[in-house]
PDB file of all heavy atoms in Angstrom:
ATOM      1  N   LYS A   1     116.081 112.316  94.497  1.00  0.00           N
ATOM      2  CA  LYS A   1     115.279 113.398  93.911  1.00  0.00           C
ATOM      3  C   LYS A   1     114.538 114.128  95.031  1.00  0.00           C
ATOM      4  O   LYS A   1     114.036 113.517  95.971  1.00  0.00           O
ATOM      5  CB  LYS A   1     114.277 112.834  92.900  1.00  0.00           C
ATOM      6  CG  LYS A   1     114.909 112.149  91.698  1.00  0.00           C
ATOM      7  CD  LYS A   1     113.845 111.604  90.761  1.00  0.00           C
ATOM      8  CE  LYS A   1     114.460 110.991  89.507  1.00  0.00           C
ATOM      9  NZ  LYS A   1     115.282 109.798  89.835  1.00  0.00           N
ATOM     10  N   TYR A   2     114.483 115.454  94.893  1.00  0.00           N
ATOM     11  CA  TYR A   2     113.811 116.299  95.879  1.00  0.00           C
ATOM     12  C   TYR A   2     112.925 117.300  95.147  1.00  0.00           C
ATOM     13  O   TYR A   2     113.152 117.616  93.975  1.00  0.00           O
ATOM     14  CB  TYR A   2     114.825 117.083  96.730  1.00  0.00           C
ATOM     15  CG  TYR A   2     115.746 116.219  97.556  1.00  0.00           C
ATOM     16  CD1 TYR A   2     116.937 115.728  97.022  1.00  0.00           C
ATOM     17  CD2 TYR A   2     115.436 115.912  98.877  1.00  0.00           C
ATOM     18  CE1 TYR A   2     117.795 114.954  97.772  1.00  0.00           C
ATOM     19  CE2 TYR A   2     116.311 115.130  99.645  1.00  0.00           C
ATOM     20  CZ  TYR A   2     117.474 114.648  99.088  1.00  0.00           C
ATOM     21  OH  TYR A   2     118.318 113.874  99.840  1.00  0.00           O
ATOM     22  N   LEU A   3     111.934 117.803  95.875  1.00  0.00           N
ATOM     23  CA  LEU A   3     111.066 118.865  95.356  1.00  0.00           C
ATOM     24  C   LEU A   3     111.055 120.026  96.333  1.00  0.00           C
ATOM     25  O   LEU A   3     110.880 119.822  97.545  1.00  0.00           O
ATOM     26  CB  LEU A   3     109.638 118.355  95.162  1.00  0.00           C
ATOM     27  CG  LEU A   3     108.548 119.434  94.939  1.00  0.00           C
ATOM     28  CD1 LEU A   3     108.796 120.209  93.646  1.00  0.00           C
ATOM     29  CD2 LEU A   3     107.164 118.817  94.947  1.00  0.00           C
ATOM     30  N   ILE A   4     111.241 121.245  95.803  1.00  0.00           N
ATOM     31  CA  ILE A   4     111.051 122.464  96.591  1.00  0.00           C
ATOM     32  C   ILE A   4     110.019 123.328  95.864  1.00  0.00           C
ATOM     33  O   ILE A   4     110.257 123.744  94.724  1.00  0.00           O
ATOM     34  CB  ILE A   4     112.365 123.253  96.761  1.00  0.00           C
ATOM     35  CG1 ILE A   4     113.385 122.422  97.552  1.00  0.00           C
ATOM     36  CG2 ILE A   4     112.105 124.573  97.475  1.00  0.00           C
ATOM     37  CD1 ILE A   4     114.743 123.096  97.693  1.00  0.00           C
ATOM     38  N   VAL A   5     108.885 123.566  96.512  1.00  0.00           N
ATOM     39  CA  VAL A   5     107.879 124.488  95.988  1.00  0.00           C
ATOM     40  C   VAL A   5     108.061 125.811  96.725  1.00  0.00           C
ATOM     41  O   VAL A   5     107.964 125.855  97.962  1.00  0.00           O
ATOM     42  CB  VAL A   5     106.445 123.953  96.201  1.00  0.00           C
ATOM     43  CG1 VAL A   5     105.414 124.983  95.719  1.00  0.00           C
ATOM     44  CG2 VAL A   5     106.252 122.630  95.451  1.00  0.00           C
ATOM     45  N   VAL A   6     108.344 126.865  95.995  1.00  0.00           N
ATOM     46  CA  VAL A   6     108.602 128.175  96.591  1.00  0.00           C
ATOM     47  C   VAL A   6     107.343 129.033  96.486  1.00  0.00           C
ATOM     48  O   VAL A   6     106.841 129.273  95.383  1.00  0.00           O
ATOM     49  CB  VAL A   6     109.775 128.888  95.886  1.00  0.00           C
ATOM     50  CG1 VAL A   6     110.136 130.166  96.637  1.00  0.00           C
ATOM     51  CG2 VAL A   6     110.981 127.978  95.765  1.00  0.00           C
ATOM     52  N   THR A   7     106.827 129.480  97.623  1.00  0.00           N
ATOM     53  CA  THR A   7     105.653 130.356  97.646  1.00  0.00           C
ATOM     54  C   THR A   7     106.066 131.748  98.126  1.00  0.00           C
ATOM     55  O   THR A   7     107.094 131.903  98.793  1.00  0.00           O
ATOM     56  CB  THR A   7     104.564 129.790  98.572  1.00  0.00           C
ATOM     57  OG1 THR A   7     105.107 129.576  99.879  1.00  0.00           O
ATOM     58  CG2 THR A   7     104.033 128.470  98.029  1.00  0.00           C
ATOM     59  N   PHE A   8     105.255 132.749  97.790  1.00  0.00           N
ATOM     60  CA  PHE A   8     105.622 134.112  98.185  1.00  0.00           C
ATOM     61  C   PHE A   8     105.558 134.275  99.701  1.00  0.00           C
ATOM     62  O   PHE A   8     106.426 134.887 100.312  1.00  0.00           O
ATOM     63  CB  PHE A   8     104.708 135.133  97.506  1.00  0.00           C
ATOM     64  CG  PHE A   8     105.146 136.552  97.711  1.00  0.00           C
ATOM     65  CD1 PHE A   8     106.257 137.042  97.046  1.00  0.00           C
ATOM     66  CD2 PHE A   8     104.475 137.400  98.575  1.00  0.00           C
ATOM     67  CE1 PHE A   8     106.699 138.352  97.244  1.00  0.00           C
ATOM     68  CE2 PHE A   8     104.896 138.705  98.779  1.00  0.00           C
ATOM     69  CZ  PHE A   8     106.010 139.185  98.108  1.00  0.00           C
ATOM     70  N   LYS A   9     104.514 133.718 100.309  1.00  0.00           N
ATOM     71  CA  LYS A   9     104.383 133.749 101.763  1.00  0.00           C
ATOM     72  C   LYS A   9     104.305 132.312 102.268  1.00  0.00           C
ATOM     73  O   LYS A   9     103.936 131.403 101.539  1.00  0.00           O
ATOM     74  CB  LYS A   9     103.143 134.533 102.183  1.00  0.00           C
ATOM     75  CG  LYS A   9     103.180 136.001 101.775  1.00  0.00           C
ATOM     76  CD  LYS A   9     101.977 136.759 102.301  1.00  0.00           C
ATOM     77  CE  LYS A   9     101.967 138.215 101.845  1.00  0.00           C
ATOM     78  NZ  LYS A   9     100.804 138.976 102.358  1.00  0.00           N
ATOM     79  N   ASP A  10     104.652 132.130 103.549  1.00  0.00           N
ATOM     80  CA  ASP A  10     104.680 130.782 104.103  1.00  0.00           C
ATOM     81  C   ASP A  10     103.270 130.221 104.181  1.00  0.00           C
ATOM     82  O   ASP A  10     102.344 130.871 104.666  1.00  0.00           O
ATOM     83  CB  ASP A  10     105.307 130.794 105.503  1.00  0.00           C
ATOM     84  CG  ASP A  10     106.060 129.514 105.792  1.00  0.00           C
ATOM     85  OD1 ASP A  10     105.563 128.437 105.392  1.00  0.00           O
ATOM     86  OD2 ASP A  10     107.143 129.572 106.395  1.00  0.00           O
ATOM     87  N   MET A  11     103.104 128.978 103.723  1.00  0.00           N
ATOM     88  CA  MET A  11     101.809 128.303 103.755  1.00  0.00           C
ATOM     89  C   MET A  11     101.652 127.447 105.017  1.00  0.00           C
ATOM     90  O   MET A  11     100.556 126.999 105.325  1.00  0.00           O
ATOM     91  CB  MET A  11     101.658 127.408 102.522  1.00  0.00           C
ATOM     92  CG  MET A  11     101.915 128.101 101.198  1.00  0.00           C
ATOM     93  SD  MET A  11     100.585 129.191 100.694  1.00  0.00           S
ATOM     94  CE  MET A  11      99.556 128.057  99.773  1.00  0.00           C
ATOM     95  N   PHE A  12     102.763 127.179 105.709  1.00  0.00           N
ATOM     96  CA  PHE A  12     102.759 126.362 106.924  1.00  0.00           C
ATOM     97  C   PHE A  12     102.030 125.034 106.714  1.00  0.00           C
ATOM     98  O   PHE A  12     101.083 124.700 107.442  1.00  0.00           O
ATOM     99  CB  PHE A  12     102.140 127.131 108.102  1.00  0.00           C
ATOM    100  CG  PHE A  12     102.948 128.318 108.544  1.00  0.00           C
ATOM    101  CD1 PHE A  12     102.387 129.589 108.568  1.00  0.00           C
ATOM    102  CD2 PHE A  12     104.275 128.182 108.932  1.00  0.00           C
ATOM    103  CE1 PHE A  12     103.131 130.689 108.968  1.00  0.00           C
ATOM    104  CE2 PHE A  12     105.028 129.268 109.339  1.00  0.00           C
ATOM    105  CZ  PHE A  12     104.453 130.531 109.355  1.00  0.00           C
ATOM    106  N   VAL A  13     102.463 124.288 105.714  1.00  0.00           N
ATOM    107  CA  VAL A  13     101.882 122.961 105.487  1.00  0.00           C
ATOM    108  C   VAL A  13     102.904 121.855 105.747  1.00  0.00           C
ATOM    109  O   VAL A  13     102.696 120.703 105.358  1.00  0.00           O
ATOM    110  CB  VAL A  13     101.307 122.832 104.058  1.00  0.00           C
ATOM    111  CG1 VAL A  13     100.109 123.738 103.876  1.00  0.00           C
ATOM    112  CG2 VAL A  13     102.367 123.130 102.998  1.00  0.00           C
ATOM    113  N   GLY A  14     104.019 122.183 106.405  1.00  0.00           N
ATOM    114  CA  GLY A  14     105.003 121.179 106.748  1.00  0.00           C
ATOM    115  C   GLY A  14     105.778 120.693 105.537  1.00  0.00           C
ATOM    116  O   GLY A  14     105.850 121.359 104.507  1.00  0.00           O
ATOM    117  N   ASN A  15     106.345 119.497 105.667  1.00  0.00           N
ATOM    118  CA  ASN A  15     107.020 118.901 104.523  1.00  0.00           C
ATOM    119  C   ASN A  15     106.044 117.978 103.789  1.00  0.00           C
ATOM    120  O   ASN A  15     104.853 117.937 104.098  1.00  0.00           O
ATOM    121  CB  ASN A  15     108.287 118.156 104.957  1.00  0.00           C
ATOM    122  CG  ASN A  15     107.981 117.006 105.911  1.00  0.00           C
ATOM    123  OD1 ASN A  15     106.847 116.546 106.024  1.00  0.00           O
ATOM    124  ND2 ASN A  15     109.005 116.525 106.598  1.00  0.00           N
ATOM    125  N   GLY A  16     106.529 117.210 102.822  1.00  0.00           N
ATOM    126  CA  GLY A  16     105.638 116.383 102.032  1.00  0.00           C
ATOM    127  C   GLY A  16     104.924 115.323 102.835  1.00  0.00           C
ATOM    128  O   GLY A  16     103.745 115.023 102.580  1.00  0.00           O
ATOM    129  N   ILE A  17     105.608 114.741 103.822  1.00  0.00           N
ATOM    130  CA  ILE A  17     104.959 113.730 104.655  1.00  0.00           C
ATOM    131  C   ILE A  17     103.853 114.350 105.503  1.00  0.00           C
ATOM    132  O   ILE A  17     102.760 113.785 105.638  1.00  0.00           O
ATOM    133  CB  ILE A  17     106.004 113.021 105.546  1.00  0.00           C
ATOM    134  CG1 ILE A  17     106.921 112.160 104.682  1.00  0.00           C
ATOM    135  CG2 ILE A  17     105.320 112.175 106.613  1.00  0.00           C
ATOM    136  CD1 ILE A  17     108.004 111.441 105.449  1.00  0.00           C
ATOM    137  N   ASP A  18     104.114 115.529 106.091  1.00  0.00           N
ATOM    138  CA  ASP A  18     103.080 116.223 106.861  1.00  0.00           C
ATOM    139  C   ASP A  18     101.859 116.497 105.992  1.00  0.00           C
ATOM    140  O   ASP A  18     100.717 116.249 106.396  1.00  0.00           O
ATOM    141  CB  ASP A  18     103.615 117.552 107.411  1.00  0.00           C
ATOM    142  CG  ASP A  18     104.749 117.376 108.397  1.00  0.00           C
ATOM    143  OD1 ASP A  18     104.720 116.394 109.160  1.00  0.00           O
ATOM    144  OD2 ASP A  18     105.666 118.207 108.398  1.00  0.00           O
ATOM    145  N   PHE A  19     102.107 117.034 104.813  1.00  0.00           N
ATOM    146  CA  PHE A  19     101.009 117.389 103.918  1.00  0.00           C
ATOM    147  C   PHE A  19     100.233 116.137 103.507  1.00  0.00           C
ATOM    148  O   PHE A  19      99.002 116.161 103.421  1.00  0.00           O
ATOM    149  CB  PHE A  19     101.559 118.115 102.688  1.00  0.00           C
ATOM    150  CG  PHE A  19     100.505 118.766 101.841  1.00  0.00           C
ATOM    151  CD1 PHE A  19      99.763 119.831 102.319  1.00  0.00           C
ATOM    152  CD2 PHE A  19     100.244 118.301 100.553  1.00  0.00           C
ATOM    153  CE1 PHE A  19      98.785 120.430 101.538  1.00  0.00           C
ATOM    154  CE2 PHE A  19      99.269 118.891  99.767  1.00  0.00           C
ATOM    155  CZ  PHE A  19      98.542 119.956 100.263  1.00  0.00           C
ATOM    156  N   TYR A  20     100.948 115.058 103.280  1.00  0.00           N
ATOM    157  CA  TYR A  20     100.297 113.801 102.899  1.00  0.00           C
ATOM    158  C   TYR A  20      99.488 113.233 104.071  1.00  0.00           C
ATOM    159  O   TYR A  20      98.295 112.918 103.932  1.00  0.00           O
ATOM    160  CB  TYR A  20     101.350 112.783 102.462  1.00  0.00           C
ATOM    161  CG  TYR A  20     100.791 111.401 102.184  1.00  0.00           C
ATOM    162  CD1 TYR A  20     100.162 111.114 100.979  1.00  0.00           C
ATOM    163  CD2 TYR A  20     100.891 110.386 103.144  1.00  0.00           C
ATOM    164  CE1 TYR A  20      99.645 109.850 100.728  1.00  0.00           C
ATOM    165  CE2 TYR A  20     100.374 109.132 102.907  1.00  0.00           C
ATOM    166  CZ  TYR A  20      99.749 108.861 101.699  1.00  0.00           C
ATOM    167  OH  TYR A  20      99.226 107.615 101.463  1.00  0.00           O
ATOM    168  N   GLU A  21     100.100 113.125 105.237  1.00  0.00           N
ATOM    169  CA  GLU A  21      99.457 112.467 106.373  1.00  0.00           C
ATOM    170  C   GLU A  21      98.302 113.277 106.957  1.00  0.00           C
ATOM    171  O   GLU A  21      97.275 112.713 107.345  1.00  0.00           O
ATOM    172  CB  GLU A  21     100.497 112.205 107.478  1.00  0.00           C
ATOM    173  CG  GLU A  21     101.534 111.159 107.119  1.00  0.00           C
ATOM    174  CD  GLU A  21     100.960 109.750 107.108  1.00  0.00           C
ATOM    175  OE1 GLU A  21      99.833 109.546 107.600  1.00  0.00           O
ATOM    176  OE2 GLU A  21     101.654 108.851 106.584  1.00  0.00           O
ATOM    177  N   TYR A  22      98.461 114.603 107.011  1.00  0.00           N
ATOM    178  CA  TYR A  22      97.523 115.411 107.784  1.00  0.00           C
ATOM    179  C   TYR A  22      96.549 116.232 106.953  1.00  0.00           C
ATOM    180  O   TYR A  22      95.571 116.760 107.478  1.00  0.00           O
ATOM    181  CB  TYR A  22      98.300 116.350 108.716  1.00  0.00           C
ATOM    182  CG  TYR A  22      99.270 115.643 109.614  1.00  0.00           C
ATOM    183  CD1 TYR A  22     100.582 116.072 109.747  1.00  0.00           C
ATOM    184  CD2 TYR A  22      98.876 114.527 110.347  1.00  0.00           C
ATOM    185  CE1 TYR A  22     101.484 115.421 110.580  1.00  0.00           C
ATOM    186  CE2 TYR A  22      99.765 113.861 111.184  1.00  0.00           C
ATOM    187  CZ  TYR A  22     101.067 114.313 111.295  1.00  0.00           C
ATOM    188  OH  TYR A  22     101.949 113.660 112.120  1.00  0.00           O
ATOM    189  N   VAL A  23      96.817 116.364 105.654  1.00  0.00           N
ATOM    190  CA  VAL A  23      95.989 117.267 104.848  1.00  0.00           C
ATOM    191  C   VAL A  23      95.371 116.595 103.629  1.00  0.00           C
ATOM    192  O   VAL A  23      94.157 116.662 103.435  1.00  0.00           O
ATOM    193  CB  VAL A  23      96.808 118.506 104.395  1.00  0.00           C
ATOM    194  CG1 VAL A  23      95.949 119.424 103.524  1.00  0.00           C
ATOM    195  CG2 VAL A  23      97.322 119.277 105.604  1.00  0.00           C
ATOM    196  N   ALA A  24      96.163 115.946 102.792  1.00  0.00           N
ATOM    197  CA  ALA A  24      95.669 115.581 101.456  1.00  0.00           C
ATOM    198  C   ALA A  24      96.006 114.145 101.068  1.00  0.00           C
ATOM    199  O   ALA A  24      96.363 113.868  99.922  1.00  0.00           O
ATOM    200  CB  ALA A  24      96.237 116.553 100.423  1.00  0.00           C
ATOM    201  N   LYS A  25      95.867 113.215 102.000  1.00  0.00           N
ATOM    202  CA  LYS A  25      96.265 111.829 101.746  1.00  0.00           C
ATOM    203  C   LYS A  25      95.539 111.229 100.545  1.00  0.00           C
ATOM    204  O   LYS A  25      96.160 110.669  99.633  1.00  0.00           O
ATOM    205  CB  LYS A  25      96.008 110.983 102.987  1.00  0.00           C
ATOM    206  CG  LYS A  25      96.550 109.553 102.912  1.00  0.00           C
ATOM    207  CD  LYS A  25      96.321 108.824 104.233  1.00  0.00           C
ATOM    208  CE  LYS A  25      97.049 107.494 104.260  1.00  0.00           C
ATOM    209  NZ  LYS A  25      96.555 106.563 103.233  1.00  0.00           N
ATOM    210  N   GLU A  26      94.220 111.303 100.504  1.00  0.00           N
ATOM    211  CA  GLU A  26      93.459 110.669  99.434  1.00  0.00           C
ATOM    212  C   GLU A  26      93.782 111.287  98.079  1.00  0.00           C
ATOM    213  O   GLU A  26      93.941 110.575  97.078  1.00  0.00           O
ATOM    214  CB  GLU A  26      91.959 110.773  99.721  1.00  0.00           C
ATOM    215  CG  GLU A  26      91.508 109.930 100.915  1.00  0.00           C
ATOM    216  CD  GLU A  26      90.016 110.018 101.137  1.00  0.00           C
ATOM    217  OE1 GLU A  26      89.325 110.708 100.326  1.00  0.00           O
ATOM    218  OE2 GLU A  26      89.518 109.416 102.101  1.00  0.00           O
ATOM    219  N   THR A  27      93.878 112.611  98.039  1.00  0.00           N
ATOM    220  CA  THR A  27      94.197 113.289  96.775  1.00  0.00           C
ATOM    221  C   THR A  27      95.569 112.884  96.269  1.00  0.00           C
ATOM    222  O   THR A  27      95.750 112.583  95.078  1.00  0.00           O
ATOM    223  CB  THR A  27      94.135 114.816  96.962  1.00  0.00           C
ATOM    224  OG1 THR A  27      92.812 115.188  97.342  1.00  0.00           O
ATOM    225  CG2 THR A  27      94.504 115.539  95.674  1.00  0.00           C
ATOM    226  N   LEU A  28      96.551 112.845  97.152  1.00  0.00           N
ATOM    227  CA  LEU A  28      97.900 112.496  96.740  1.00  0.00           C
ATOM    228  C   LEU A  28      98.008 111.014  96.377  1.00  0.00           C
ATOM    229  O   LEU A  28      98.776 110.639  95.486  1.00  0.00           O
ATOM    230  CB  LEU A  28      98.899 112.862  97.829  1.00  0.00           C
ATOM    231  CG  LEU A  28      99.031 114.372  98.103  1.00  0.00           C
ATOM    232  CD1 LEU A  28     100.018 114.630  99.231  1.00  0.00           C
ATOM    233  CD2 LEU A  28      99.448 115.133  96.850  1.00  0.00           C
ATOM    234  N   ASP A  29      97.233 110.174  97.045  1.00  0.00           N
ATOM    235  CA  ASP A  29      97.212 108.756  96.663  1.00  0.00           C
ATOM    236  C   ASP A  29      96.710 108.595  95.228  1.00  0.00           C
ATOM    237  O   ASP A  29      97.239 107.771  94.461  1.00  0.00           O
ATOM    238  CB  ASP A  29      96.319 107.963  97.616  1.00  0.00           C
ATOM    239  CG  ASP A  29      97.026 107.583  98.909  1.00  0.00           C
ATOM    240  OD1 ASP A  29      98.279 107.617  98.939  1.00  0.00           O
ATOM    241  OD2 ASP A  29      96.332 107.255  99.898  1.00  0.00           O
ATOM    242  N   ARG A  30      95.698 109.372  94.855  1.00  0.00           N
ATOM    243  CA  ARG A  30      95.180 109.295  93.488  1.00  0.00           C
ATOM    244  C   ARG A  30      96.235 109.756  92.485  1.00  0.00           C
ATOM    245  O   ARG A  30      96.381 109.177  91.398  1.00  0.00           O
ATOM    246  CB  ARG A  30      93.912 110.149  93.348  1.00  0.00           C
ATOM    247  CG  ARG A  30      92.679 109.533  93.990  1.00  0.00           C
ATOM    248  CD  ARG A  30      91.409 110.201  93.489  1.00  0.00           C
ATOM    249  NE  ARG A  30      91.350 111.611  93.837  1.00  0.00           N
ATOM    250  CZ  ARG A  30      90.836 112.075  94.975  1.00  0.00           C
ATOM    251  NH1 ARG A  30      90.329 111.218  95.872  1.00  0.00           N
ATOM    252  NH2 ARG A  30      90.811 113.365  95.231  1.00  0.00           N
ATOM    253  N   ILE A  31      96.974 110.790  92.839  1.00  0.00           N
ATOM    254  CA  ILE A  31      98.020 111.286  91.938  1.00  0.00           C
ATOM    255  C   ILE A  31      99.126 110.242  91.792  1.00  0.00           C
ATOM    256  O   ILE A  31      99.579 109.935  90.682  1.00  0.00           O
ATOM    257  CB  ILE A  31      98.587 112.623  92.468  1.00  0.00           C
ATOM    258  CG1 ILE A  31      97.515 113.713  92.399  1.00  0.00           C
ATOM    259  CG2 ILE A  31      99.820 113.032  91.661  1.00  0.00           C
ATOM    260  CD1 ILE A  31      97.914 115.015  93.071  1.00  0.00           C
ATOM    261  N   VAL A  32      99.553 109.663  92.893  1.00  0.00           N
ATOM    262  CA  VAL A  32     100.652 108.687  92.864  1.00  0.00           C
ATOM    263  C   VAL A  32     100.229 107.416  92.132  1.00  0.00           C
ATOM    264  O   VAL A  32     101.069 106.730  91.532  1.00  0.00           O
ATOM    265  CB  VAL A  32     101.126 108.376  94.301  1.00  0.00           C
ATOM    266  CG1 VAL A  32     102.094 107.197  94.313  1.00  0.00           C
ATOM    267  CG2 VAL A  32     101.790 109.606  94.915  1.00  0.00           C
ATOM    268  N   SER A  33      98.937 107.098  92.152  1.00  0.00           N
ATOM    269  CA  SER A  33      98.471 105.879  91.486  1.00  0.00           C
ATOM    270  C   SER A  33      98.774 105.890  89.987  1.00  0.00           C
ATOM    271  O   SER A  33      98.797 104.837  89.349  1.00  0.00           O
ATOM    272  CB  SER A  33      96.966 105.696  91.709  1.00  0.00           C
ATOM    273  OG  SER A  33      96.221 106.705  91.027  1.00  0.00           O
ATOM    274  N   ARG A  34      99.021 107.054  89.417  1.00  0.00           N
ATOM    275  CA  ARG A  34      99.378 107.135  87.997  1.00  0.00           C
ATOM    276  C   ARG A  34     100.773 106.563  87.731  1.00  0.00           C
ATOM    277  O   ARG A  34     101.128 106.302  86.586  1.00  0.00           O
ATOM    278  CB  ARG A  34      99.355 108.594  87.526  1.00  0.00           C
ATOM    279  CG  ARG A  34      98.040 109.316  87.781  1.00  0.00           C
ATOM    280  CD  ARG A  34      98.204 110.812  87.529  1.00  0.00           C
ATOM    281  NE  ARG A  34      97.075 111.580  88.030  1.00  0.00           N
ATOM    282  CZ  ARG A  34      97.071 112.905  88.169  1.00  0.00           C
ATOM    283  NH1 ARG A  34      98.158 113.605  87.825  1.00  0.00           N
ATOM    284  NH2 ARG A  34      96.011 113.538  88.640  1.00  0.00           N
ATOM    285  N   TYR A  35     101.549 106.390  88.806  1.00  0.00           N
ATOM    286  CA  TYR A  35     102.933 105.953  88.645  1.00  0.00           C
ATOM    287  C   TYR A  35     103.140 104.570  89.268  1.00  0.00           C
ATOM    288  O   TYR A  35     104.116 104.327  89.978  1.00  0.00           O
ATOM    289  CB  TYR A  35     103.880 106.977  89.291  1.00  0.00           C
ATOM    290  CG  TYR A  35     103.627 108.372  88.787  1.00  0.00           C
ATOM    291  CD1 TYR A  35     102.881 109.280  89.536  1.00  0.00           C
ATOM    292  CD2 TYR A  35     104.088 108.773  87.541  1.00  0.00           C
ATOM    293  CE1 TYR A  35     102.619 110.561  89.062  1.00  0.00           C
ATOM    294  CE2 TYR A  35     103.831 110.062  87.057  1.00  0.00           C
ATOM    295  CZ  TYR A  35     103.094 110.934  87.828  1.00  0.00           C
ATOM    296  OH  TYR A  35     102.823 112.198  87.352  1.00  0.00           O
ATOM    297  N   ALA A  36     102.200 103.686  89.007  1.00  0.00           N
ATOM    298  CA  ALA A  36     102.268 102.300  89.506  1.00  0.00           C
ATOM    299  C   ALA A  36     102.417 102.262  91.029  1.00  0.00           C
ATOM    300  O   ALA A  36     103.059 101.369  91.584  1.00  0.00           O
ATOM    301  CB  ALA A  36     103.419 101.546  88.835  1.00  0.00           C
ATOM    302  N   GLY A  37     101.840 103.267  91.685  1.00  0.00           N
ATOM    303  CA  GLY A  37     101.812 103.275  93.147  1.00  0.00           C
ATOM    304  C   GLY A  37     103.070 103.752  93.819  1.00  0.00           C
ATOM    305  O   GLY A  37     103.134 103.796  95.050  1.00  0.00           O
ATOM    306  N   ALA A  38     104.095 104.110  93.075  1.00  0.00           N
ATOM    307  CA  ALA A  38     105.350 104.577  93.676  1.00  0.00           C
ATOM    308  C   ALA A  38     105.651 105.995  93.196  1.00  0.00           C
ATOM    309  O   ALA A  38     105.830 106.229  91.998  1.00  0.00           O
ATOM    310  CB  ALA A  38     106.498 103.646  93.302  1.00  0.00           C
ATOM    311  N   ALA A  39     105.701 106.937  94.127  1.00  0.00           N
ATOM    312  CA  ALA A  39     105.953 108.327  93.757  1.00  0.00           C
ATOM    313  C   ALA A  39     107.375 108.481  93.234  1.00  0.00           C
ATOM    314  O   ALA A  39     108.325 108.034  93.888  1.00  0.00           O
ATOM    315  CB  ALA A  39     105.748 109.240  94.960  1.00  0.00           C
TER     316      ALA A  39
END
């Protein structure tokens, strides 16, 4: 399974790992916790 989010202009946030590691780790951890810890 893959995800592509299409924006009108480039957001330059890397791929999902970049965004997780460098920008929004805690927020994404909270979201993933809804799925028994596995995205």
